Amino acid sequence: MAIGGLVIGVDPAMETTAVESLRQVSGLSLGVRRGGRWSAVLETTNAAQWRQAEDTLLAIPGVVDIEVACIHYDEDVA
């Protein structure tokens, strides 16, 4: 299991579209917005799924960057 805190940078010109798409990502919970940056929590079942989720987030139009603020990874938890 991997649970992490993210800061997601969003292009202000595409914020509505980007946020709507982010809300559809499985395992992602959006927090608060500060400027063009959103806090979020991402929960996945393993490290491979975490990497795939990062790629998915970066492919969303309007998402300009992702910072991983913290991550807890435990392979023994299913």
C-alpha atoms as a PDB file:
ATOM      1  CA  MET A   1       0.000   0.000   0.000  1.00  0.00           C
ATOM      2  CA  ALA A   2       1.208   3.493  -0.760  1.00  0.00           C
ATOM      3  CA  ILE A   3      -0.369   6.632   0.683  1.00  0.00           C
ATOM      4  CA  GLY A   4       1.098  10.028  -0.054  1.00  0.00           C
ATOM      5  CA  GLY A   5       0.503  13.725   0.206  1.00  0.00           C
ATOM      6  CA  LEU A   6       0.830  15.667  -3.027  1.00  0.00           C
ATOM      7  CA  VAL A   7       0.881  19.253  -4.166  1.00  0.00           C
ATOM      8  CA  ILE A   8      -0.517  19.503  -7.686  1.00  0.00           C
ATOM      9  CA  GLY A   9       0.237  22.566  -9.787  1.00  0.00           C
ATOM     10  CA  VAL A  10      -2.571  23.603 -12.124  1.00  0.00           C
ATOM     11  CA  ASP A  11      -2.538  26.111 -14.986  1.00  0.00           C
ATOM     12  CA  PRO A  12      -5.004  28.862 -13.932  1.00  0.00           C
ATOM     13  CA  ALA A  13      -6.352  29.102 -17.490  1.00  0.00           C
ATOM     14  CA  MET A  14      -7.379  25.419 -17.380  1.00  0.00           C
ATOM     15  CA  GLU A  15      -8.181  25.047 -13.687  1.00  0.00           C
ATOM     16  CA  THR A  16     -11.855  24.077 -14.010  1.00  0.00           C
ATOM     17  CA  THR A  17     -11.158  21.346 -16.563  1.00  0.00           C
ATOM     18  CA  ALA A  18      -8.110  20.071 -14.676  1.00  0.00           C
ATOM     19  CA  VAL A  19      -9.901  19.908 -11.323  1.00  0.00           C
ATOM     20  CA  GLU A  20     -12.883  18.094 -12.854  1.00  0.00           C
ATOM     21  CA  SER A  21     -10.474  15.510 -14.286  1.00  0.00           C
ATOM     22  CA  LEU A  22      -8.515  15.224 -11.035  1.00  0.00           C
ATOM     23  CA  ARG A  23     -11.721  14.476  -9.135  1.00  0.00           C
ATOM     24  CA  GLN A  24     -12.218  11.432 -11.407  1.00  0.00           C
ATOM     25  CA  VAL A  25      -8.835   9.831 -10.611  1.00  0.00           C
ATOM     26  CA  SER A  26      -9.267   6.666  -8.569  1.00  0.00           C
ATOM     27  CA  GLY A  27      -7.612   6.864  -5.152  1.00  0.00           C
ATOM     28  CA  LEU A  28      -7.073  10.643  -5.295  1.00  0.00           C
ATOM     29  CA  SER A  29      -8.708  13.008  -2.808  1.00  0.00           C
ATOM     30  CA  LEU A  30      -8.322  16.727  -3.450  1.00  0.00           C
ATOM     31  CA  GLY A  31      -7.837  19.085  -0.549  1.00  0.00           C
ATOM     32  CA  VAL A  32      -7.580  22.859  -0.601  1.00  0.00           C
ATOM     33  CA  ARG A  33      -6.409  25.283  -3.273  1.00  0.00           C
ATOM     34  CA  ARG A  34      -3.786  27.925  -2.638  1.00  0.00           C
ATOM     35  CA  GLY A  35      -3.194  29.954  -5.750  1.00  0.00           C
ATOM     36  CA  GLY A  36      -2.699  27.529  -8.609  1.00  0.00           C
ATOM     37  CA  ARG A  37      -1.719  24.643  -6.328  1.00  0.00           C
ATOM     38  CA  TRP A  38      -3.956  21.961  -4.836  1.00  0.00           C
ATOM     39  CA  SER A  39      -3.212  19.672  -1.907  1.00  0.00           C
ATOM     40  CA  ALA A  40      -4.163  16.040  -2.426  1.00  0.00           C
ATOM     41  CA  VAL A  41      -3.847  12.555  -0.969  1.00  0.00           C
ATOM     42  CA  LEU A  42      -3.206   9.582  -3.248  1.00  0.00           C
ATOM     43  CA  GLU A  43      -3.768   6.005  -2.085  1.00  0.00           C
ATOM     44  CA  THR A  44      -2.699   3.019  -4.196  1.00  0.00           C
ATOM     45  CA  THR A  45      -2.237  -0.696  -3.575  1.00  0.00           C
ATOM     46  CA  ASN A  46       1.457  -0.869  -4.552  1.00  0.00           C
ATOM     47  CA  ALA A  47       4.435   1.092  -5.877  1.00  0.00           C
ATOM     48  CA  ALA A  48       3.752   0.223  -9.526  1.00  0.00           C
ATOM     49  CA  GLN A  49       0.215   1.581  -9.253  1.00  0.00           C
ATOM     50  CA  TRP A  50       1.619   4.732  -7.573  1.00  0.00           C
ATOM     51  CA  ARG A  51       3.951   5.372 -10.539  1.00  0.00           C
ATOM     52  CA  GLN A  52       1.090   4.773 -12.970  1.00  0.00           C
ATOM     53  CA  ALA A  53      -1.114   7.227 -11.050  1.00  0.00           C
ATOM     54  CA  GLU A  54       1.615   9.895 -11.215  1.00  0.00           C
ATOM     55  CA  ASP A  55       1.797   9.427 -15.003  1.00  0.00           C
ATOM     56  CA  THR A  56      -2.002   9.670 -15.204  1.00  0.00           C
ATOM     57  CA  LEU A  57      -2.022  12.912 -13.203  1.00  0.00           C
ATOM     58  CA  LEU A  58       0.688  14.502 -15.344  1.00  0.00           C
ATOM     59  CA  ALA A  59      -1.234  13.577 -18.513  1.00  0.00           C
ATOM     60  CA  ILE A  60      -4.293  15.586 -17.414  1.00  0.00           C
ATOM     61  CA  PRO A  61      -4.596  18.811 -19.428  1.00  0.00           C
ATOM     62  CA  GLY A  62      -3.909  21.757 -17.143  1.00  0.00           C
ATOM     63  CA  VAL A  63      -1.770  19.844 -14.618  1.00  0.00           C
ATOM     64  CA  VAL A  64       1.670  21.436 -14.818  1.00  0.00           C
ATOM     65  CA  ASP A  65       3.549  19.622 -12.045  1.00  0.00           C
ATOM     66  CA  ILE A  66       3.284  17.319  -9.053  1.00  0.00           C
ATOM     67  CA  GLU A  67       5.297  17.470  -5.855  1.00  0.00           C
ATOM     68  CA  VAL A  68       5.278  14.523  -3.480  1.00  0.00           C
ATOM     69  CA  ALA A  69       5.237  16.048  -0.003  1.00  0.00           C
ATOM     70  CA  CYS A  70       5.311  12.718   1.825  1.00  0.00           C
ATOM     71  CA  ILE A  71       4.703   9.040   1.151  1.00  0.00           C
ATOM     72  CA  HIS A  72       4.139   5.969   3.294  1.00  0.00           C
ATOM     73  CA  TYR A  73       4.809   2.687   1.549  1.00  0.00           C
ATOM     74  CA  ASP A  74       4.060  -0.712   3.106  1.00  0.00           C
ATOM     75  CA  GLU A  75       4.330  -3.752   0.827  1.00  0.00           C
ATOM     76  CA  ASP A  76       2.929  -6.036   3.554  1.00  0.00           C
ATOM     77  CA  VAL A  77      -0.481  -4.327   3.529  1.00  0.00           C
ATOM     78  CA  ALA A  78      -2.831  -5.488   0.802  1.00  0.00           C
END
